[in-house]
Amino acid sequence: MSPPQSRITEIVCHVLEIDEDEITESSRFVEDHDADSLRSIEIVSLLEHEFDIVIDQANLSRMVNLAGVRSVLAETPGFPG
């Protein structure tokens, strides 16, 4: 896994307060890991800060799991991944 991809996983797991082996690409943050809207906002904020990007709010509804986060970030201008 590339460094940016590893860092995405680290950030998400930190916010969700879970170990990296507890999350999969398809496990849903809310349903599977008891995240609430504040945690979702924190994930977005930390990702924007870490990678010096701005995530389009229109894409937030797609960021429900790691796969969705990776997809949105891949489409975000300036993302190094």
PDB file of N, CA and C in Angstrom:
ATOM      1  N   MET A   1       0.853  -1.171   0.000  1.00  0.00           N
ATOM      2  CA  MET A   1       0.000   0.000   0.000  1.00  0.00           C
ATOM      3  C   MET A   1       0.902   1.238   0.000  1.00  0.00           C
ATOM      4  N   SER A   2       0.585   2.213  -0.828  1.00  0.00           N
ATOM      5  CA  SER A   2       1.408   3.422  -0.920  1.00  0.00           C
ATOM      6  C   SER A   2       1.280   4.249   0.360  1.00  0.00           C
ATOM      7  N   PRO A   3       2.264   5.097   0.621  1.00  0.00           N
ATOM      8  CA  PRO A   3       2.197   5.912   1.845  1.00  0.00           C
ATOM      9  C   PRO A   3       0.906   6.717   2.000  1.00  0.00           C
ATOM     10  N   PRO A   4       0.410   7.411   0.936  1.00  0.00           N
ATOM     11  CA  PRO A   4      -0.856   8.129   1.137  1.00  0.00           C
ATOM     12  C   PRO A   4      -2.014   7.180   1.484  1.00  0.00           C
ATOM     13  N   GLN A   5      -2.037   6.004   0.862  1.00  0.00           N
ATOM     14  CA  GLN A   5      -3.119   5.059   1.134  1.00  0.00           C
ATOM     15  C   GLN A   5      -3.035   4.531   2.565  1.00  0.00           C
ATOM     16  N   SER A   6      -1.831   4.272   3.027  1.00  0.00           N
ATOM     17  CA  SER A   6      -1.645   3.833   4.414  1.00  0.00           C
ATOM     18  C   SER A   6      -2.066   4.924   5.384  1.00  0.00           C
ATOM     19  N   ARG A   7      -1.729   6.156   5.051  1.00  0.00           N
ATOM     20  CA  ARG A   7      -2.075   7.280   5.934  1.00  0.00           C
ATOM     21  C   ARG A   7      -3.584   7.467   6.011  1.00  0.00           C
ATOM     22  N   ILE A   8      -4.296   7.246   4.907  1.00  0.00           N
ATOM     23  CA  ILE A   8      -5.760   7.324   4.924  1.00  0.00           C
ATOM     24  C   ILE A   8      -6.300   6.338   5.950  1.00  0.00           C
ATOM     25  N   THR A   9      -5.828   5.108   5.886  1.00  0.00           N
ATOM     26  CA  THR A   9      -6.283   4.076   6.820  1.00  0.00           C
ATOM     27  C   THR A   9      -5.970   4.478   8.253  1.00  0.00           C
ATOM     28  N   GLU A  10      -4.769   4.974   8.492  1.00  0.00           N
ATOM     29  CA  GLU A  10      -4.377   5.398   9.842  1.00  0.00           C
ATOM     30  C   GLU A  10      -5.298   6.488  10.375  1.00  0.00           C
ATOM     31  N   ILE A  11      -5.596   7.476   9.553  1.00  0.00           N
ATOM     32  CA  ILE A  11      -6.451   8.587   9.977  1.00  0.00           C
ATOM     33  C   ILE A  11      -7.848   8.091  10.302  1.00  0.00           C
ATOM     34  N   VAL A  12      -8.422   7.298   9.416  1.00  0.00           N
ATOM     35  CA  VAL A  12      -9.779   6.791   9.639  1.00  0.00           C
ATOM     36  C   VAL A  12      -9.831   5.952  10.912  1.00  0.00           C
ATOM     37  N   CYS A  13      -8.873   5.075  11.093  1.00  0.00           N
ATOM     38  CA  CYS A  13      -8.862   4.225  12.290  1.00  0.00           C
ATOM     39  C   CYS A  13      -8.660   5.043  13.559  1.00  0.00           C
ATOM     40  N   HIS A  14      -7.833   6.063  13.486  1.00  0.00           N
ATOM     41  CA  HIS A  14      -7.631   6.943  14.641  1.00  0.00           C
ATOM     42  C   HIS A  14      -8.952   7.598  15.051  1.00  0.00           C
ATOM     43  N   VAL A  15      -9.662   8.152  14.083  1.00  0.00           N
ATOM     44  CA  VAL A  15     -10.923   8.841  14.381  1.00  0.00           C
ATOM     45  C   VAL A  15     -11.972   7.862  14.892  1.00  0.00           C
ATOM     46  N   LEU A  16     -12.034   6.678  14.289  1.00  0.00           N
ATOM     47  CA  LEU A  16     -13.034   5.686  14.698  1.00  0.00           C
ATOM     48  C   LEU A  16     -12.626   4.938  15.967  1.00  0.00           C
ATOM     49  N   GLU A  17     -11.386   5.174  16.407  1.00  0.00           N
ATOM     50  CA  GLU A  17     -10.852   4.527  17.610  1.00  0.00           C
ATOM     51  C   GLU A  17     -10.886   3.005  17.496  1.00  0.00           C
ATOM     52  N   ILE A  18     -10.373   2.524  16.347  1.00  0.00           N
ATOM     53  CA  ILE A  18     -10.288   1.087  16.101  1.00  0.00           C
ATOM     54  C   ILE A  18      -8.891   0.758  15.588  1.00  0.00           C
ATOM     55  N   ASP A  19      -8.530  -0.513  15.672  1.00  0.00           N
ATOM     56  CA  ASP A  19      -7.262  -0.977  15.119  1.00  0.00           C
ATOM     57  C   ASP A  19      -7.418  -1.179  13.616  1.00  0.00           C
ATOM     58  N   GLU A  20      -6.312  -1.079  12.900  1.00  0.00           N
ATOM     59  CA  GLU A  20      -6.368  -1.223  11.448  1.00  0.00           C
ATOM     60  C   GLU A  20      -6.867  -2.591  11.009  1.00  0.00           C
ATOM     61  N   ASP A  21      -6.658  -3.618  11.824  1.00  0.00           N
ATOM     62  CA  ASP A  21      -7.143  -4.947  11.437  1.00  0.00           C
ATOM     63  C   ASP A  21      -8.645  -5.106  11.661  1.00  0.00           C
ATOM     64  N   GLU A  22      -9.300  -4.089  12.213  1.00  0.00           N
ATOM     65  CA  GLU A  22     -10.742  -4.138  12.441  1.00  0.00           C
ATOM     66  C   GLU A  22     -11.542  -3.518  11.297  1.00  0.00           C
ATOM     67  N   ILE A  23     -10.863  -2.935  10.326  1.00  0.00           N
ATOM     68  CA  ILE A  23     -11.571  -2.252   9.248  1.00  0.00           C
ATOM     69  C   ILE A  23     -11.246  -2.921   7.917  1.00  0.00           C
ATOM     70  N   THR A  24     -12.231  -2.945   7.030  1.00  0.00           N
ATOM     71  CA  THR A  24     -12.030  -3.440   5.671  1.00  0.00           C
ATOM     72  C   THR A  24     -12.371  -2.311   4.707  1.00  0.00           C
ATOM     73  N   GLU A  25     -12.081  -2.519   3.450  1.00  0.00           N
ATOM     74  CA  GLU A  25     -12.411  -1.510   2.445  1.00  0.00           C
ATOM     75  C   GLU A  25     -13.913  -1.245   2.386  1.00  0.00           C
ATOM     76  N   SER A  26     -14.715  -2.268   2.690  1.00  0.00           N
ATOM     77  CA  SER A  26     -16.164  -2.121   2.540  1.00  0.00           C
ATOM     78  C   SER A  26     -16.929  -1.968   3.849  1.00  0.00           C
ATOM     79  N   SER A  27     -16.251  -2.099   4.999  1.00  0.00           N
ATOM     80  CA  SER A  27     -16.993  -1.934   6.254  1.00  0.00           C
ATOM     81  C   SER A  27     -17.422  -0.475   6.383  1.00  0.00           C
ATOM     82  N   ARG A  28     -18.680  -0.299   6.752  1.00  0.00           N
ATOM     83  CA  ARG A  28     -19.265   1.036   6.787  1.00  0.00           C
ATOM     84  C   ARG A  28     -18.994   1.703   8.133  1.00  0.00           C
ATOM     85  N   PHE A  29     -18.580   2.961   8.061  1.00  0.00           N
ATOM     86  CA  PHE A  29     -18.196   3.678   9.271  1.00  0.00           C
ATOM     87  C   PHE A  29     -19.336   3.746  10.285  1.00  0.00           C
ATOM     88  N   VAL A  30     -20.521   4.089   9.841  1.00  0.00           N
ATOM     89  CA  VAL A  30     -21.654   4.257  10.760  1.00  0.00           C
ATOM     90  C   VAL A  30     -22.188   2.908  11.215  1.00  0.00           C
ATOM     91  N   GLU A  31     -22.548   2.063  10.279  1.00  0.00           N
ATOM     92  CA  GLU A  31     -23.205   0.806  10.607  1.00  0.00           C
ATOM     93  C   GLU A  31     -22.281  -0.198  11.289  1.00  0.00           C
ATOM     94  N   ASP A  32     -21.038  -0.279  10.849  1.00  0.00           N
ATOM     95  CA  ASP A  32     -20.126  -1.304  11.366  1.00  0.00           C
ATOM     96  C   ASP A  32     -19.192  -0.814  12.471  1.00  0.00           C
ATOM     97  N   HIS A  33     -18.985   0.505  12.545  1.00  0.00           N
ATOM     98  CA  HIS A  33     -18.011   1.026  13.508  1.00  0.00           C
ATOM     99  C   HIS A  33     -18.587   2.123  14.403  1.00  0.00           C
ATOM    100  N   ASP A  34     -19.899   2.254  14.403  1.00  0.00           N
ATOM    101  CA  ASP A  34     -20.606   3.180  15.303  1.00  0.00           C
ATOM    102  C   ASP A  34     -20.152   4.634  15.191  1.00  0.00           C
ATOM    103  N   ALA A  35     -19.761   5.061  14.008  1.00  0.00           N
ATOM    104  CA  ALA A  35     -19.379   6.458  13.809  1.00  0.00           C
ATOM    105  C   ALA A  35     -20.631   7.328  13.762  1.00  0.00           C
ATOM    106  N   ASP A  36     -20.476   8.577  14.158  1.00  0.00           N
ATOM    107  CA  ASP A  36     -21.568   9.533  14.029  1.00  0.00           C
ATOM    108  C   ASP A  36     -21.124  10.642  13.071  1.00  0.00           C
ATOM    109  N   SER A  37     -21.983  11.620  12.859  1.00  0.00           N
ATOM    110  CA  SER A  37     -21.672  12.669  11.890  1.00  0.00           C
ATOM    111  C   SER A  37     -20.447  13.484  12.303  1.00  0.00           C
ATOM    112  N   LEU A  38     -20.229  13.646  13.590  1.00  0.00           N
ATOM    113  CA  LEU A  38     -19.049  14.393  14.039  1.00  0.00           C
ATOM    114  C   LEU A  38     -17.758  13.673  13.676  1.00  0.00           C
ATOM    115  N   ARG A  39     -17.770  12.365  13.774  1.00  0.00           N
ATOM    116  CA  ARG A  39     -16.572  11.600  13.387  1.00  0.00           C
ATOM    117  C   ARG A  39     -16.340  11.697  11.884  1.00  0.00           C
ATOM    118  N   SER A  40     -17.418  11.693  11.128  1.00  0.00           N
ATOM    119  CA  SER A  40     -17.284  11.843   9.675  1.00  0.00           C
ATOM    120  C   SER A  40     -16.655  13.186   9.328  1.00  0.00           C
ATOM    121  N   ILE A  41     -17.104  14.233  10.011  1.00  0.00           N
ATOM    122  CA  ILE A  41     -16.539  15.565   9.788  1.00  0.00           C
ATOM    123  C   ILE A  41     -15.069  15.586  10.188  1.00  0.00           C
ATOM    124  N   GLU A  42     -14.741  14.927  11.284  1.00  0.00           N
ATOM    125  CA  GLU A  42     -13.349  14.878  11.739  1.00  0.00           C
ATOM    126  C   GLU A  42     -12.464  14.152  10.726  1.00  0.00           C
ATOM    127  N   ILE A  43     -12.967  13.061  10.155  1.00  0.00           N
ATOM    128  CA  ILE A  43     -12.209  12.334   9.131  1.00  0.00           C
ATOM    129  C   ILE A  43     -11.909  13.254   7.952  1.00  0.00           C
ATOM    130  N   VAL A  44     -12.934  13.931   7.457  1.00  0.00           N
ATOM    131  CA  VAL A  44     -12.754  14.833   6.316  1.00  0.00           C
ATOM    132  C   VAL A  44     -11.759  15.940   6.659  1.00  0.00           C
ATOM    133  N   SER A  45     -11.922  16.536   7.820  1.00  0.00           N
ATOM    134  CA  SER A  45     -11.042  17.625   8.238  1.00  0.00           C
ATOM    135  C   SER A  45      -9.585  17.175   8.327  1.00  0.00           C
ATOM    136  N   LEU A  46      -9.352  16.027   8.941  1.00  0.00           N
ATOM    137  CA  LEU A  46      -7.983  15.523   9.069  1.00  0.00           C
ATOM    138  C   LEU A  46      -7.380  15.166   7.713  1.00  0.00           C
ATOM    139  N   LEU A  47      -8.179  14.585   6.832  1.00  0.00           N
ATOM    140  CA  LEU A  47      -7.684  14.255   5.492  1.00  0.00           C
ATOM    141  C   LEU A  47      -7.321  15.521   4.721  1.00  0.00           C
ATOM    142  N   GLU A  48      -8.182  16.537   4.816  1.00  0.00           N
ATOM    143  CA  GLU A  48      -7.890  17.799   4.130  1.00  0.00           C
ATOM    144  C   GLU A  48      -6.598  18.418   4.667  1.00  0.00           C
ATOM    145  N   HIS A  49      -6.434  18.396   5.967  1.00  0.00           N
ATOM    146  CA  HIS A  49      -5.229  18.966   6.581  1.00  0.00           C
ATOM    147  C   HIS A  49      -3.980  18.151   6.218  1.00  0.00           C
ATOM    148  N   GLU A  50      -4.083  16.840   6.334  1.00  0.00           N
ATOM    149  CA  GLU A  50      -2.935  15.959   6.070  1.00  0.00           C
ATOM    150  C   GLU A  50      -2.414  16.099   4.642  1.00  0.00           C
ATOM    151  N   PHE A  51      -3.337  16.166   3.685  1.00  0.00           N
ATOM    152  CA  PHE A  51      -2.945  16.165   2.276  1.00  0.00           C
ATOM    153  C   PHE A  51      -3.037  17.543   1.615  1.00  0.00           C
ATOM    154  N   ASP A  52      -3.375  18.566   2.406  1.00  0.00           N
ATOM    155  CA  ASP A  52      -3.478  19.937   1.910  1.00  0.00           C
ATOM    156  C   ASP A  52      -4.388  20.014   0.681  1.00  0.00           C
ATOM    157  N   ILE A  53      -5.594  19.492   0.853  1.00  0.00           N
ATOM    158  CA  ILE A  53      -6.588  19.459  -0.219  1.00  0.00           C
ATOM    159  C   ILE A  53      -7.912  19.992   0.318  1.00  0.00           C
ATOM    160  N   VAL A  54      -8.858  20.207  -0.588  1.00  0.00           N
ATOM    161  CA  VAL A  54     -10.224  20.558  -0.214  1.00  0.00           C
ATOM    162  C   VAL A  54     -11.133  19.521  -0.857  1.00  0.00           C
ATOM    163  N   ILE A  55     -11.882  18.820  -0.019  1.00  0.00           N
ATOM    164  CA  ILE A  55     -12.788  17.781  -0.504  1.00  0.00           C
ATOM    165  C   ILE A  55     -14.128  18.425  -0.831  1.00  0.00           C
ATOM    166  N   ASP A  56     -14.599  18.208  -2.038  1.00  0.00           N
ATOM    167  CA  ASP A  56     -15.878  18.748  -2.489  1.00  0.00           C
ATOM    168  C   ASP A  56     -17.004  18.170  -1.634  1.00  0.00           C
ATOM    169  N   GLN A  57     -17.799  19.039  -1.019  1.00  0.00           N
ATOM    170  CA  GLN A  57     -18.881  18.589  -0.148  1.00  0.00           C
ATOM    171  C   GLN A  57     -19.902  17.726  -0.876  1.00  0.00           C
ATOM    172  N   ALA A  58     -20.000  17.868  -2.174  1.00  0.00           N
ATOM    173  CA  ALA A  58     -20.933  17.048  -2.949  1.00  0.00           C
ATOM    174  C   ALA A  58     -20.554  15.572  -2.901  1.00  0.00           C
ATOM    175  N   ASN A  59     -19.299  15.279  -2.558  1.00  0.00           N
ATOM    176  CA  ASN A  59     -18.827  13.892  -2.517  1.00  0.00           C
ATOM    177  C   ASN A  59     -18.881  13.262  -1.130  1.00  0.00           C
ATOM    178  N   LEU A  60     -19.250  14.021  -0.125  1.00  0.00           N
ATOM    179  CA  LEU A  60     -19.223  13.507   1.244  1.00  0.00           C
ATOM    180  C   LEU A  60     -20.111  12.287   1.435  1.00  0.00           C
ATOM    181  N   SER A  61     -21.223  12.229   0.742  1.00  0.00           N
ATOM    182  CA  SER A  61     -22.145  11.095   0.905  1.00  0.00           C
ATOM    183  C   SER A  61     -21.543   9.790   0.397  1.00  0.00           C
ATOM    184  N   ARG A  62     -20.502   9.863  -0.401  1.00  0.00           N
ATOM    185  CA  ARG A  62     -19.825   8.660  -0.906  1.00  0.00           C
ATOM    186  C   ARG A  62     -18.781   8.132   0.070  1.00  0.00           C
ATOM    187  N   MET A  63     -18.430   8.931   1.065  1.00  0.00           N
ATOM    188  CA  MET A  63     -17.337   8.582   1.972  1.00  0.00           C
ATOM    189  C   MET A  63     -17.861   7.799   3.179  1.00  0.00           C
ATOM    190  N   VAL A  64     -18.478   6.663   2.907  1.00  0.00           N
ATOM    191  CA  VAL A  64     -19.100   5.854   3.962  1.00  0.00           C
ATOM    192  C   VAL A  64     -18.219   4.690   4.403  1.00  0.00           C
ATOM    193  N   ASN A  65     -17.155   4.429   3.643  1.00  0.00           N
ATOM    194  CA  ASN A  65     -16.214   3.355   3.969  1.00  0.00           C
ATOM    195  C   ASN A  65     -14.861   3.716   3.349  1.00  0.00           C
ATOM    196  N   LEU A  66     -13.856   2.896   3.618  1.00  0.00           N
ATOM    197  CA  LEU A  66     -12.520   3.205   3.090  1.00  0.00           C
ATOM    198  C   LEU A  66     -12.502   3.275   1.568  1.00  0.00           C
ATOM    199  N   ALA A  67     -13.212   2.376   0.922  1.00  0.00           N
ATOM    200  CA  ALA A  67     -13.243   2.385  -0.544  1.00  0.00           C
ATOM    201  C   ALA A  67     -13.808   3.703  -1.061  1.00  0.00           C
ATOM    202  N   GLY A  68     -14.863   4.182  -0.431  1.00  0.00           N
ATOM    203  CA  GLY A  68     -15.461   5.458  -0.822  1.00  0.00           C
ATOM    204  C   GLY A  68     -14.529   6.626  -0.581  1.00  0.00           C
ATOM    205  N   VAL A  69     -13.854   6.611   0.551  1.00  0.00           N
ATOM    206  CA  VAL A  69     -12.890   7.670   0.864  1.00  0.00           C
ATOM    207  C   VAL A  69     -11.778   7.678  -0.179  1.00  0.00           C
ATOM    208  N   ARG A  70     -11.235   6.507  -0.473  1.00  0.00           N
ATOM    209  CA  ARG A  70     -10.144   6.423  -1.453  1.00  0.00           C
ATOM    210  C   ARG A  70     -10.597   6.914  -2.833  1.00  0.00           C
ATOM    211  N   SER A  71     -11.814   6.561  -3.219  1.00  0.00           N
ATOM    212  CA  SER A  71     -12.348   6.970  -4.511  1.00  0.00           C
ATOM    213  C   SER A  71     -12.491   8.489  -4.591  1.00  0.00           C
ATOM    214  N   VAL A  72     -13.068   9.078  -3.554  1.00  0.00           N
ATOM    215  CA  VAL A  72     -13.242  10.535  -3.530  1.00  0.00           C
ATOM    216  C   VAL A  72     -11.886  11.234  -3.549  1.00  0.00           C
ATOM    217  N   LEU A  73     -10.953  10.759  -2.741  1.00  0.00           N
ATOM    218  CA  LEU A  73      -9.639  11.399  -2.700  1.00  0.00           C
ATOM    219  C   LEU A  73      -8.917  11.279  -4.040  1.00  0.00           C
ATOM    220  N   ALA A  74      -9.059  10.151  -4.710  1.00  0.00           N
ATOM    221  CA  ALA A  74      -8.411   9.962  -6.012  1.00  0.00           C
ATOM    222  C   ALA A  74      -8.908  10.982  -7.033  1.00  0.00           C
ATOM    223  N   GLU A  75     -10.143  11.444  -6.857  1.00  0.00           N
ATOM    224  CA  GLU A  75     -10.740  12.418  -7.769  1.00  0.00           C
ATOM    225  C   GLU A  75     -10.510  13.862  -7.322  1.00  0.00           C
ATOM    226  N   THR A  76      -9.911  14.041  -6.157  1.00  0.00           N
ATOM    227  CA  THR A  76      -9.727  15.374  -5.585  1.00  0.00           C
ATOM    228  C   THR A  76      -8.438  16.006  -6.112  1.00  0.00           C
ATOM    229  N   PRO A  77      -8.549  17.191  -6.713  1.00  0.00           N
ATOM    230  CA  PRO A  77      -7.347  17.870  -7.220  1.00  0.00           C
ATOM    231  C   PRO A  77      -6.311  18.066  -6.116  1.00  0.00           C
ATOM    232  N   GLY A  78      -5.067  17.734  -6.430  1.00  0.00           N
ATOM    233  CA  GLY A  78      -3.973  17.921  -5.494  1.00  0.00           C
ATOM    234  C   GLY A  78      -3.667  16.732  -4.615  1.00  0.00           C
ATOM    235  N   PHE A  79      -4.521  15.689  -4.651  1.00  0.00           N
ATOM    236  CA  PHE A  79      -4.255  14.521  -3.816  1.00  0.00           C
ATOM    237  C   PHE A  79      -3.058  13.766  -4.388  1.00  0.00           C
ATOM    238  N   PRO A  80      -2.088  13.418  -3.535  1.00  0.00           N
ATOM    239  CA  PRO A  80      -0.848  12.814  -4.030  1.00  0.00           C
ATOM    240  C   PRO A  80      -0.914  11.322  -4.336  1.00  0.00           C
ATOM    241  N   GLY A  81      -2.048  10.701  -4.162  1.00  0.00           N
ATOM    242  CA  GLY A  81      -2.122   9.257  -4.317  1.00  0.00           C
ATOM    243  C   GLY A  81      -2.366   8.829  -5.693  1.00  0.00           C
TER     244      GLY A  81
END
